[in-house]
Amino acid sequence: RRRYDRLAEIDPHHLPGQSELVQQLTPRWGGTWADALAFARERAA
């Protein structure tokens, strides 16, 4: 999230980076489905 926040300061709609964070937020990489979906919905909207 820290690295993504730096990216978002430069380009708030940078899809490749957003897709990377969705992966990071899944349980396989230490997150939760709720977190991954919440981020995806937020950036999509």
ModelCIF file with pLDDT and N, C-alpha, C, O atoms, coordinates in Angstrom:
data_MODEL
#
_entry.id   MODEL 
#
_entity.id                         1 
_entity.type                       polymer 
_entity.pdbx_number_of_molecules   1 
#
_entity_poly.entity_id                      1 
_entity_poly.type                           'polypeptide(L)' 
_entity_poly.nstd_linkage                   no 
_entity_poly.nstd_monomer                   no 
_entity_poly.pdbx_seq_one_letter_code       RRRYDRLAEIDPHHLPGQSELVQQLTPRWGGTWADALAFARERAA 
_entity_poly.pdbx_seq_one_letter_code_can   RRRYDRLAEIDPHHLPGQSELVQQLTPRWGGTWADALAFARERAA 
_entity_poly.pdbx_strand_id                 A 
#
loop_
_entity_poly_seq.entity_id 
_entity_poly_seq.num 
_entity_poly_seq.mon_id 
_entity_poly_seq.hetero 
1 1  ARG n 
1 2  ARG n 
1 3  ARG n 
1 4  TYR n 
1 5  ASP n 
1 6  ARG n 
1 7  LEU n 
1 8  ALA n 
1 9  GLU n 
1 10 ILE n 
1 11 ASP n 
1 12 PRO n 
1 13 HIS n 
1 14 HIS n 
1 15 LEU n 
1 16 PRO n 
1 17 GLY n 
1 18 GLN n 
1 19 SER n 
1 20 GLU n 
1 21 LEU n 
1 22 VAL n 
1 23 GLN n 
1 24 GLN n 
1 25 LEU n 
1 26 THR n 
1 27 PRO n 
1 28 ARG n 
1 29 TRP n 
1 30 GLY n 
1 31 GLY n 
1 32 THR n 
1 33 TRP n 
1 34 ALA n 
1 35 ASP n 
1 36 ALA n 
1 37 LEU n 
1 38 ALA n 
1 39 PHE n 
1 40 ALA n 
1 41 ARG n 
1 42 GLU n 
1 43 ARG n 
1 44 ALA n 
1 45 ALA n 
#
_struct_asym.id          A 
_struct_asym.entity_id   1 
#
loop_
_ma_qa_metric.id 
_ma_qa_metric.mode 
_ma_qa_metric.name 
_ma_qa_metric.software_group_id 
_ma_qa_metric.type 
1 global pLDDT . pLDDT 
2 local  pLDDT . pLDDT 
#
_ma_qa_metric_global.metric_id      1 
_ma_qa_metric_global.metric_value   97.84 
_ma_qa_metric_global.model_id       1 
_ma_qa_metric_global.ordinal_id     1 
#
loop_
_ma_qa_metric_local.label_asym_id 
_ma_qa_metric_local.label_comp_id 
_ma_qa_metric_local.label_seq_id 
_ma_qa_metric_local.metric_id 
_ma_qa_metric_local.metric_value 
_ma_qa_metric_local.model_id 
_ma_qa_metric_local.ordinal_id 
A ARG 1  2 98.00 1 1  
A ARG 2  2 98.00 1 2  
A ARG 3  2 98.00 1 3  
A TYR 4  2 98.00 1 4  
A ASP 5  2 98.00 1 5  
A ARG 6  2 98.00 1 6  
A LEU 7  2 98.00 1 7  
A ALA 8  2 98.00 1 8  
A GLU 9  2 98.00 1 9  
A ILE 10 2 98.00 1 10 
A ASP 11 2 98.00 1 11 
A PRO 12 2 98.00 1 12 
A HIS 13 2 98.00 1 13 
A HIS 14 2 98.00 1 14 
A LEU 15 2 98.00 1 15 
A PRO 16 2 98.00 1 16 
A GLY 17 2 98.00 1 17 
A GLN 18 2 98.00 1 18 
A SER 19 2 98.00 1 19 
A GLU 20 2 98.00 1 20 
A LEU 21 2 98.00 1 21 
A VAL 22 2 98.00 1 22 
A GLN 23 2 98.00 1 23 
A GLN 24 2 98.00 1 24 
A LEU 25 2 98.00 1 25 
A THR 26 2 98.00 1 26 
A PRO 27 2 98.00 1 27 
A ARG 28 2 95.00 1 28 
A TRP 29 2 96.00 1 29 
A GLY 30 2 96.00 1 30 
A GLY 31 2 98.00 1 31 
A THR 32 2 98.00 1 32 
A TRP 33 2 98.00 1 33 
A ALA 34 2 98.00 1 34 
A ASP 35 2 98.00 1 35 
A ALA 36 2 98.00 1 36 
A LEU 37 2 98.00 1 37 
A ALA 38 2 98.00 1 38 
A PHE 39 2 98.00 1 39 
A ALA 40 2 98.00 1 40 
A ARG 41 2 98.00 1 41 
A GLU 42 2 98.00 1 42 
A ARG 43 2 98.00 1 43 
A ALA 44 2 98.00 1 44 
A ALA 45 2 98.00 1 45 
#
loop_
_atom_site.group_PDB 
_atom_site.id 
_atom_site.type_symbol 
_atom_site.label_atom_id 
_atom_site.label_alt_id 
_atom_site.label_comp_id 
_atom_site.label_asym_id 
_atom_site.label_entity_id 
_atom_site.label_seq_id 
_atom_site.pdbx_PDB_ins_code 
_atom_site.Cartn_x 
_atom_site.Cartn_y 
_atom_site.Cartn_z 
_atom_site.occupancy 
_atom_site.B_iso_or_equiv 
_atom_site.pdbx_formal_charge 
_atom_site.auth_seq_id 
_atom_site.auth_comp_id 
_atom_site.auth_asym_id 
_atom_site.auth_atom_id 
_atom_site.pdbx_PDB_model_num 
ATOM 1   N N  . ARG A 1 1  ? 0.832   -1.218  0.000   1.00 98.00 ? 1  ARG A N  1 
ATOM 2   C CA . ARG A 1 1  ? 0.000   0.000   0.000   1.00 98.00 ? 1  ARG A CA 1 
ATOM 3   C C  . ARG A 1 1  ? 0.858   1.256   0.000   1.00 98.00 ? 1  ARG A C  1 
ATOM 4   O O  . ARG A 1 1  ? 0.518   2.239   -0.658  1.00 98.00 ? 1  ARG A O  1 
ATOM 5   N N  . ARG A 1 2  ? 1.957   1.233   0.725   1.00 98.00 ? 2  ARG A N  1 
ATOM 6   C CA . ARG A 1 2  ? 2.838   2.406   0.740   1.00 98.00 ? 2  ARG A CA 1 
ATOM 7   C C  . ARG A 1 2  ? 3.358   2.704   -0.661  1.00 98.00 ? 2  ARG A C  1 
ATOM 8   O O  . ARG A 1 2  ? 3.370   3.854   -1.100  1.00 98.00 ? 2  ARG A O  1 
ATOM 9   N N  . ARG A 1 3  ? 3.780   1.672   -1.345  1.00 98.00 ? 3  ARG A N  1 
ATOM 10  C CA . ARG A 1 3  ? 4.299   1.864   -2.704  1.00 98.00 ? 3  ARG A CA 1 
ATOM 11  C C  . ARG A 1 3  ? 3.184   2.292   -3.654  1.00 98.00 ? 3  ARG A C  1 
ATOM 12  O O  . ARG A 1 3  ? 3.396   3.129   -4.531  1.00 98.00 ? 3  ARG A O  1 
ATOM 13  N N  . TYR A 1 4  ? 2.007   1.722   -3.478  1.00 98.00 ? 4  TYR A N  1 
ATOM 14  C CA . TYR A 1 4  ? 0.904   2.141   -4.347  1.00 98.00 ? 4  TYR A CA 1 
ATOM 15  C C  . TYR A 1 4  ? 0.541   3.601   -4.094  1.00 98.00 ? 4  TYR A C  1 
ATOM 16  O O  . TYR A 1 4  ? 0.252   4.337   -5.038  1.00 98.00 ? 4  TYR A O  1 
ATOM 17  N N  . ASP A 1 5  ? 0.552   4.025   -2.841  1.00 98.00 ? 5  ASP A N  1 
ATOM 18  C CA . ASP A 1 5  ? 0.229   5.422   -2.535  1.00 98.00 ? 5  ASP A CA 1 
ATOM 19  C C  . ASP A 1 5  ? 1.198   6.380   -3.237  1.00 98.00 ? 5  ASP A C  1 
ATOM 20  O O  . ASP A 1 5  ? 0.789   7.453   -3.682  1.00 98.00 ? 5  ASP A O  1 
ATOM 21  N N  . ARG A 1 6  ? 2.463   6.006   -3.338  1.00 98.00 ? 6  ARG A N  1 
ATOM 22  C CA . ARG A 1 6  ? 3.419   6.834   -4.066  1.00 98.00 ? 6  ARG A CA 1 
ATOM 23  C C  . ARG A 1 6  ? 3.053   6.890   -5.554  1.00 98.00 ? 6  ARG A C  1 
ATOM 24  O O  . ARG A 1 6  ? 3.135   7.940   -6.191  1.00 98.00 ? 6  ARG A O  1 
ATOM 25  N N  . LEU A 1 7  ? 2.653   5.749   -6.080  1.00 98.00 ? 7  LEU A N  1 
ATOM 26  C CA . LEU A 1 7  ? 2.221   5.700   -7.487  1.00 98.00 ? 7  LEU A CA 1 
ATOM 27  C C  . LEU A 1 7  ? 0.985   6.555   -7.708  1.00 98.00 ? 7  LEU A C  1 
ATOM 28  O O  . LEU A 1 7  ? 0.905   7.301   -8.684  1.00 98.00 ? 7  LEU A O  1 
ATOM 29  N N  . ALA A 1 8  ? 0.017   6.449   -6.799  1.00 98.00 ? 8  ALA A N  1 
ATOM 30  C CA . ALA A 1 8  ? -1.242  7.177   -6.961  1.00 98.00 ? 8  ALA A CA 1 
ATOM 31  C C  . ALA A 1 8  ? -1.037  8.687   -6.911  1.00 98.00 ? 8  ALA A C  1 
ATOM 32  O O  . ALA A 1 8  ? -1.801  9.435   -7.521  1.00 98.00 ? 8  ALA A O  1 
ATOM 33  N N  . GLU A 1 9  ? -0.018  9.141   -6.193  1.00 98.00 ? 9  GLU A N  1 
ATOM 34  C CA . GLU A 1 9  ? 0.292   10.571  -6.174  1.00 98.00 ? 9  GLU A CA 1 
ATOM 35  C C  . GLU A 1 9  ? 0.702   11.056  -7.563  1.00 98.00 ? 9  GLU A C  1 
ATOM 36  O O  . GLU A 1 9  ? 0.470   12.212  -7.920  1.00 98.00 ? 9  GLU A O  1 
ATOM 37  N N  . ILE A 1 10 ? 1.309   10.168  -8.337  1.00 98.00 ? 10 ILE A N  1 
ATOM 38  C CA . ILE A 1 10 ? 1.780   10.509  -9.682  1.00 98.00 ? 10 ILE A CA 1 
ATOM 39  C C  . ILE A 1 10 ? 0.674   10.320  -10.707 1.00 98.00 ? 10 ILE A C  1 
ATOM 40  O O  . ILE A 1 10 ? 0.445   11.180  -11.557 1.00 98.00 ? 10 ILE A O  1 
ATOM 41  N N  . ASP A 1 11 ? -0.010  9.179   -10.614 1.00 98.00 ? 11 ASP A N  1 
ATOM 42  C CA . ASP A 1 11 ? -1.057  8.824   -11.576 1.00 98.00 ? 11 ASP A CA 1 
ATOM 43  C C  . ASP A 1 11 ? -2.140  8.038   -10.846 1.00 98.00 ? 11 ASP A C  1 
ATOM 44  O O  . ASP A 1 11 ? -1.981  6.836   -10.634 1.00 98.00 ? 11 ASP A O  1 
ATOM 45  N N  . PRO A 1 12 ? -3.239  8.686   -10.457 1.00 98.00 ? 12 PRO A N  1 
ATOM 46  C CA . PRO A 1 12 ? -4.272  8.013   -9.664  1.00 98.00 ? 12 PRO A CA 1 
ATOM 47  C C  . PRO A 1 12 ? -5.048  6.943   -10.411 1.00 98.00 ? 12 PRO A C  1 
ATOM 48  O O  . PRO A 1 12 ? -5.822  6.207   -9.799  1.00 98.00 ? 12 PRO A O  1 
ATOM 49  N N  . HIS A 1 13 ? -4.858  6.843   -11.721 1.00 98.00 ? 13 HIS A N  1 
ATOM 50  C CA . HIS A 1 13 ? -5.596  5.846   -12.502 1.00 98.00 ? 13 HIS A CA 1 
ATOM 51  C C  . HIS A 1 13 ? -4.655  4.904   -13.247 1.00 98.00 ? 13 HIS A C  1 
ATOM 52  O O  . HIS A 1 13 ? -4.993  4.415   -14.325 1.00 98.00 ? 13 HIS A O  1 
ATOM 53  N N  . HIS A 1 14 ? -3.484  4.650   -12.685 1.00 98.00 ? 14 HIS A N  1 
ATOM 54  C CA . HIS A 1 14 ? -2.488  3.815   -13.362 1.00 98.00 ? 14 HIS A CA 1 
ATOM 55  C C  . HIS A 1 14 ? -2.863  2.340   -13.193 1.00 98.00 ? 14 HIS A C  1 
ATOM 56  O O  . HIS A 1 14 ? -2.542  1.716   -12.182 1.00 98.00 ? 14 HIS A O  1 
ATOM 57  N N  . LEU A 1 15 ? -3.534  1.808   -14.184 1.00 98.00 ? 15 LEU A N  1 
ATOM 58  C CA . LEU A 1 15 ? -4.119  0.469   -14.079 1.00 98.00 ? 15 LEU A CA 1 
ATOM 59  C C  . LEU A 1 15 ? -3.098  -0.632  -13.804 1.00 98.00 ? 15 LEU A C  1 
ATOM 60  O O  . LEU A 1 15 ? -3.379  -1.485  -12.963 1.00 98.00 ? 15 LEU A O  1 
ATOM 61  N N  . PRO A 1 16 ? -1.941  -0.674  -14.449 1.00 98.00 ? 16 PRO A N  1 
ATOM 62  C CA . PRO A 1 16 ? -1.005  -1.765  -14.135 1.00 98.00 ? 16 PRO A CA 1 
ATOM 63  C C  . PRO A 1 16 ? -0.639  -1.837  -12.653 1.00 98.00 ? 16 PRO A C  1 
ATOM 64  O O  . PRO A 1 16 ? -0.559  -2.924  -12.081 1.00 98.00 ? 16 PRO A O  1 
ATOM 65  N N  . GLY A 1 17 ? -0.419  -0.684  -12.039 1.00 98.00 ? 17 GLY A N  1 
ATOM 66  C CA . GLY A 1 17 ? -0.119  -0.665  -10.617 1.00 98.00 ? 17 GLY A CA 1 
ATOM 67  C C  . GLY A 1 17 ? -1.313  -1.052  -9.769  1.00 98.00 ? 17 GLY A C  1 
ATOM 68  O O  . GLY A 1 17 ? -1.163  -1.732  -8.754  1.00 98.00 ? 17 GLY A O  1 
ATOM 69  N N  . GLN A 1 18 ? -2.496  -0.625  -10.176 1.00 98.00 ? 18 GLN A N  1 
ATOM 70  C CA . GLN A 1 18 ? -3.709  -0.989  -9.440  1.00 98.00 ? 18 GLN A CA 1 
ATOM 71  C C  . GLN A 1 18 ? -3.933  -2.498  -9.472  1.00 98.00 ? 18 GLN A C  1 
ATOM 72  O O  . GLN A 1 18 ? -4.324  -3.093  -8.468  1.00 98.00 ? 18 GLN A O  1 
ATOM 73  N N  . SER A 1 19 ? -3.685  -3.114  -10.624 1.00 98.00 ? 19 SER A N  1 
ATOM 74  C CA . SER A 1 19 ? -3.826  -4.568  -10.725 1.00 98.00 ? 19 SER A CA 1 
ATOM 75  C C  . SER A 1 19 ? -2.829  -5.275  -9.815  1.00 98.00 ? 19 SER A C  1 
ATOM 76  O O  . SER A 1 19 ? -3.147  -6.303  -9.217  1.00 98.00 ? 19 SER A O  1 
ATOM 77  N N  . GLU A 1 20 ? -1.619  -4.721  -9.712  1.00 98.00 ? 20 GLU A N  1 
ATOM 78  C CA . GLU A 1 20 ? -0.635  -5.305  -8.811  1.00 98.00 ? 20 GLU A CA 1 
ATOM 79  C C  . GLU A 1 20 ? -1.111  -5.250  -7.364  1.00 98.00 ? 20 GLU A C  1 
ATOM 80  O O  . GLU A 1 20 ? -0.923  -6.205  -6.611  1.00 98.00 ? 20 GLU A O  1 
ATOM 81  N N  . LEU A 1 21 ? -1.728  -4.135  -6.971  1.00 98.00 ? 21 LEU A N  1 
ATOM 82  C CA . LEU A 1 21 ? -2.177  -4.039  -5.586  1.00 98.00 ? 21 LEU A CA 1 
ATOM 83  C C  . LEU A 1 21 ? -3.370  -4.953  -5.328  1.00 98.00 ? 21 LEU A C  1 
ATOM 84  O O  . LEU A 1 21 ? -3.490  -5.502  -4.233  1.00 98.00 ? 21 LEU A O  1 
ATOM 85  N N  . VAL A 1 22 ? -4.253  -5.128  -6.305  1.00 98.00 ? 22 VAL A N  1 
ATOM 86  C CA . VAL A 1 22 ? -5.341  -6.097  -6.132  1.00 98.00 ? 22 VAL A CA 1 
ATOM 87  C C  . VAL A 1 22 ? -4.763  -7.465  -5.785  1.00 98.00 ? 22 VAL A C  1 
ATOM 88  O O  . VAL A 1 22 ? -5.249  -8.140  -4.877  1.00 98.00 ? 22 VAL A O  1 
ATOM 89  N N  . GLN A 1 23 ? -3.720  -7.872  -6.517  1.00 98.00 ? 23 GLN A N  1 
ATOM 90  C CA . GLN A 1 23 ? -3.072  -9.154  -6.214  1.00 98.00 ? 23 GLN A CA 1 
ATOM 91  C C  . GLN A 1 23 ? -2.512  -9.157  -4.791  1.00 98.00 ? 23 GLN A C  1 
ATOM 92  O O  . GLN A 1 23 ? -2.701  -10.119 -4.046  1.00 98.00 ? 23 GLN A O  1 
ATOM 93  N N  . GLN A 1 24 ? -1.826  -8.084  -4.421  1.00 98.00 ? 24 GLN A N  1 
ATOM 94  C CA . GLN A 1 24 ? -1.229  -7.995  -3.090  1.00 98.00 ? 24 GLN A CA 1 
ATOM 95  C C  . GLN A 1 24 ? -2.280  -8.109  -1.991  1.00 98.00 ? 24 GLN A C  1 
ATOM 96  O O  . GLN A 1 24 ? -2.012  -8.670  -0.928  1.00 98.00 ? 24 GLN A O  1 
ATOM 97  N N  . LEU A 1 25 ? -3.459  -7.585  -2.241  1.00 98.00 ? 25 LEU A N  1 
ATOM 98  C CA . LEU A 1 25 ? -4.510  -7.552  -1.218  1.00 98.00 ? 25 LEU A CA 1 
ATOM 99  C C  . LEU A 1 25 ? -5.293  -8.853  -1.092  1.00 98.00 ? 25 LEU A C  1 
ATOM 100 O O  . LEU A 1 25 ? -6.164  -8.960  -0.229  1.00 98.00 ? 25 LEU A O  1 
ATOM 101 N N  . THR A 1 26 ? -5.001  -9.846  -1.935  1.00 98.00 ? 26 THR A N  1 
ATOM 102 C CA . THR A 1 26 ? -5.692  -11.135 -1.819  1.00 98.00 ? 26 THR A CA 1 
ATOM 103 C C  . THR A 1 26 ? -5.074  -11.960 -0.693  1.00 98.00 ? 26 THR A C  1 
ATOM 104 O O  . THR A 1 26 ? -3.939  -11.702 -0.290  1.00 98.00 ? 26 THR A O  1 
ATOM 105 N N  . PRO A 1 27 ? -5.804  -12.944 -0.182  1.00 98.00 ? 27 PRO A N  1 
ATOM 106 C CA . PRO A 1 27 ? -5.269  -13.769 0.917   1.00 98.00 ? 27 PRO A CA 1 
ATOM 107 C C  . PRO A 1 27 ? -3.958  -14.474 0.585   1.00 98.00 ? 27 PRO A C  1 
ATOM 108 O O  . PRO A 1 27 ? -3.139  -14.704 1.474   1.00 98.00 ? 27 PRO A O  1 
ATOM 109 N N  . ARG A 1 28 ? -3.749  -14.821 -0.690  1.00 95.00 ? 28 ARG A N  1 
ATOM 110 C CA . ARG A 1 28 ? -2.515  -15.511 -1.066  1.00 95.00 ? 28 ARG A CA 1 
ATOM 111 C C  . ARG A 1 28 ? -1.275  -14.697 -0.722  1.00 95.00 ? 28 ARG A C  1 
ATOM 112 O O  . ARG A 1 28 ? -0.204  -15.251 -0.471  1.00 95.00 ? 28 ARG A O  1 
ATOM 113 N N  . TRP A 1 29 ? -1.434  -13.350 -0.712  1.00 96.00 ? 29 TRP A N  1 
ATOM 114 C CA . TRP A 1 29 ? -0.278  -12.483 -0.463  1.00 96.00 ? 29 TRP A CA 1 
ATOM 115 C C  . TRP A 1 29 ? -0.423  -11.686 0.835   1.00 96.00 ? 29 TRP A C  1 
ATOM 116 O O  . TRP A 1 29 ? 0.240   -10.666 1.020   1.00 96.00 ? 29 TRP A O  1 
ATOM 117 N N  . GLY A 1 30 ? -1.288  -12.154 1.723   1.00 96.00 ? 30 GLY A N  1 
ATOM 118 C CA . GLY A 1 30 ? -1.376  -11.550 3.047   1.00 96.00 ? 30 GLY A CA 1 
ATOM 119 C C  . GLY A 1 30 ? -2.565  -10.649 3.282   1.00 96.00 ? 30 GLY A C  1 
ATOM 120 O O  . GLY A 1 30 ? -2.708  -10.095 4.372   1.00 96.00 ? 30 GLY A O  1 
ATOM 121 N N  . GLY A 1 31 ? -3.428  -10.485 2.285   1.00 98.00 ? 31 GLY A N  1 
ATOM 122 C CA . GLY A 1 31 ? -4.592  -9.619  2.440   1.00 98.00 ? 31 GLY A CA 1 
ATOM 123 C C  . GLY A 1 31 ? -5.866  -10.403 2.673   1.00 98.00 ? 31 GLY A C  1 
ATOM 124 O O  . GLY A 1 31 ? -5.834  -11.538 3.149   1.00 98.00 ? 31 GLY A O  1 
ATOM 125 N N  . THR A 1 32 ? -6.986  -9.789  2.332   1.00 98.00 ? 32 THR A N  1 
ATOM 126 C CA . THR A 1 32 ? -8.293  -10.438 2.467   1.00 98.00 ? 32 THR A CA 1 
ATOM 127 C C  . THR A 1 32 ? -9.097  -10.166 1.202   1.00 98.00 ? 32 THR A C  1 
ATOM 128 O O  . THR A 1 32 ? -8.825  -9.212  0.473   1.00 98.00 ? 32 THR A O  1 
ATOM 129 N N  . TRP A 1 33 ? -10.090 -11.016 0.950   1.00 98.00 ? 33 TRP A N  1 
ATOM 130 C CA . TRP A 1 33 ? -10.953 -10.774 -0.215  1.00 98.00 ? 33 TRP A CA 1 
ATOM 131 C C  . TRP A 1 33 ? -11.688 -9.453  -0.062  1.00 98.00 ? 33 TRP A C  1 
ATOM 132 O O  . TRP A 1 33 ? -11.893 -8.733  -1.039  1.00 98.00 ? 33 TRP A O  1 
ATOM 133 N N  . ALA A 1 34 ? -12.082 -9.138  1.154   1.00 98.00 ? 34 ALA A N  1 
ATOM 134 C CA . ALA A 1 34 ? -12.801 -7.884  1.385   1.00 98.00 ? 34 ALA A CA 1 
ATOM 135 C C  . ALA A 1 34 ? -11.935 -6.685  1.011   1.00 98.00 ? 34 ALA A C  1 
ATOM 136 O O  . ALA A 1 34 ? -12.418 -5.732  0.399   1.00 98.00 ? 34 ALA A O  1 
ATOM 137 N N  . ASP A 1 35 ? -10.656 -6.733  1.381   1.00 98.00 ? 35 ASP A N  1 
ATOM 138 C CA . ASP A 1 35 ? -9.756  -5.628  1.055   1.00 98.00 ? 35 ASP A CA 1 
ATOM 139 C C  . ASP A 1 35 ? -9.533  -5.516  -0.451  1.00 98.00 ? 35 ASP A C  1 
ATOM 140 O O  . ASP A 1 35 ? -9.541  -4.417  -1.005  1.00 98.00 ? 35 ASP A O  1 
ATOM 141 N N  . ALA A 1 36 ? -9.335  -6.648  -1.104  1.00 98.00 ? 36 ALA A N  1 
ATOM 142 C CA . ALA A 1 36 ? -9.093  -6.640  -2.551  1.00 98.00 ? 36 ALA A CA 1 
ATOM 143 C C  . ALA A 1 36 ? -10.292 -6.093  -3.296  1.00 98.00 ? 36 ALA A C  1 
ATOM 144 O O  . ALA A 1 36 ? -10.141 -5.278  -4.206  1.00 98.00 ? 36 ALA A O  1 
ATOM 145 N N  . LEU A 1 37 ? -11.483 -6.533  -2.919  1.00 98.00 ? 37 LEU A N  1 
ATOM 146 C CA . LEU A 1 37 ? -12.698 -6.068  -3.589  1.00 98.00 ? 37 LEU A CA 1 
ATOM 147 C C  . LEU A 1 37 ? -12.977 -4.600  -3.284  1.00 98.00 ? 37 LEU A C  1 
ATOM 148 O O  . LEU A 1 37 ? -13.412 -3.852  -4.160  1.00 98.00 ? 37 LEU A O  1 
ATOM 149 N N  . ALA A 1 38 ? -12.728 -4.191  -2.048  1.00 98.00 ? 38 ALA A N  1 
ATOM 150 C CA . ALA A 1 38 ? -12.972 -2.786  -1.679  1.00 98.00 ? 38 ALA A CA 1 
ATOM 151 C C  . ALA A 1 38 ? -12.074 -1.858  -2.494  1.00 98.00 ? 38 ALA A C  1 
ATOM 152 O O  . ALA A 1 38 ? -12.531 -0.826  -2.987  1.00 98.00 ? 38 ALA A O  1 
ATOM 153 N N  . PHE A 1 39 ? -10.813 -2.218  -2.637  1.00 98.00 ? 39 PHE A N  1 
ATOM 154 C CA . PHE A 1 39 ? -9.898  -1.395  -3.429  1.00 98.00 ? 39 PHE A CA 1 
ATOM 155 C C  . PHE A 1 39 ? -10.326 -1.378  -4.897  1.00 98.00 ? 39 PHE A C  1 
ATOM 156 O O  . PHE A 1 39 ? -10.351 -0.321  -5.527  1.00 98.00 ? 39 PHE A O  1 
ATOM 157 N N  . ALA A 1 40 ? -10.661 -2.547  -5.436  1.00 98.00 ? 40 ALA A N  1 
ATOM 158 C CA . ALA A 1 40 ? -11.081 -2.627  -6.838  1.00 98.00 ? 40 ALA A CA 1 
ATOM 159 C C  . ALA A 1 40 ? -12.314 -1.762  -7.092  1.00 98.00 ? 40 ALA A C  1 
ATOM 160 O O  . ALA A 1 40 ? -12.370 -1.029  -8.080  1.00 98.00 ? 40 ALA A O  1 
ATOM 161 N N  . ARG A 1 41 ? -13.280 -1.846  -6.217  1.00 98.00 ? 41 ARG A N  1 
ATOM 162 C CA . ARG A 1 41 ? -14.508 -1.051  -6.386  1.00 98.00 ? 41 ARG A CA 1 
ATOM 163 C C  . ARG A 1 41 ? -14.215 0.447   -6.295  1.00 98.00 ? 41 ARG A C  1 
ATOM 164 O O  . ARG A 1 41 ? -14.744 1.246   -7.068  1.00 98.00 ? 41 ARG A O  1 
ATOM 165 N N  . GLU A 1 42 ? -13.380 0.799   -5.356  1.00 98.00 ? 42 GLU A N  1 
ATOM 166 C CA . GLU A 1 42 ? -13.050 2.223   -5.151  1.00 98.00 ? 42 GLU A CA 1 
ATOM 167 C C  . GLU A 1 42 ? -12.390 2.821   -6.383  1.00 98.00 ? 42 GLU A C  1 
ATOM 168 O O  . GLU A 1 42 ? -12.779 3.893   -6.845  1.00 98.00 ? 42 GLU A O  1 
ATOM 169 N N  . ARG A 1 43 ? -11.379 2.119   -6.918  1.00 98.00 ? 43 ARG A N  1 
ATOM 170 C CA . ARG A 1 43 ? -10.652 2.660   -8.064  1.00 98.00 ? 43 ARG A CA 1 
ATOM 171 C C  . ARG A 1 43 ? -11.458 2.567   -9.353  1.00 98.00 ? 43 ARG A C  1 
ATOM 172 O O  . ARG A 1 43 ? -11.298 3.399   -10.245 1.00 98.00 ? 43 ARG A O  1 
ATOM 173 N N  . ALA A 1 44 ? -12.311 1.574   -9.456  1.00 98.00 ? 44 ALA A N  1 
ATOM 174 C CA . ALA A 1 44 ? -13.185 1.483   -10.627 1.00 98.00 ? 44 ALA A CA 1 
ATOM 175 C C  . ALA A 1 44 ? -14.176 2.641   -10.645 1.00 98.00 ? 44 ALA A C  1 
ATOM 176 O O  . ALA A 1 44 ? -14.406 3.253   -11.688 1.00 98.00 ? 44 ALA A O  1 
ATOM 177 N N  . ALA A 1 45 ? -14.754 2.934   -9.501  1.00 98.00 ? 45 ALA A N  1 
ATOM 178 C CA . ALA A 1 45 ? -15.731 4.020   -9.411  1.00 98.00 ? 45 ALA A CA 1 
ATOM 179 C C  . ALA A 1 45 ? -15.088 5.379   -9.653  1.00 98.00 ? 45 ALA A C  1 
ATOM 180 O O  . ALA A 1 45 ? -15.772 6.401   -9.613  1.00 98.00 ? 45 ALA A O  1 
#
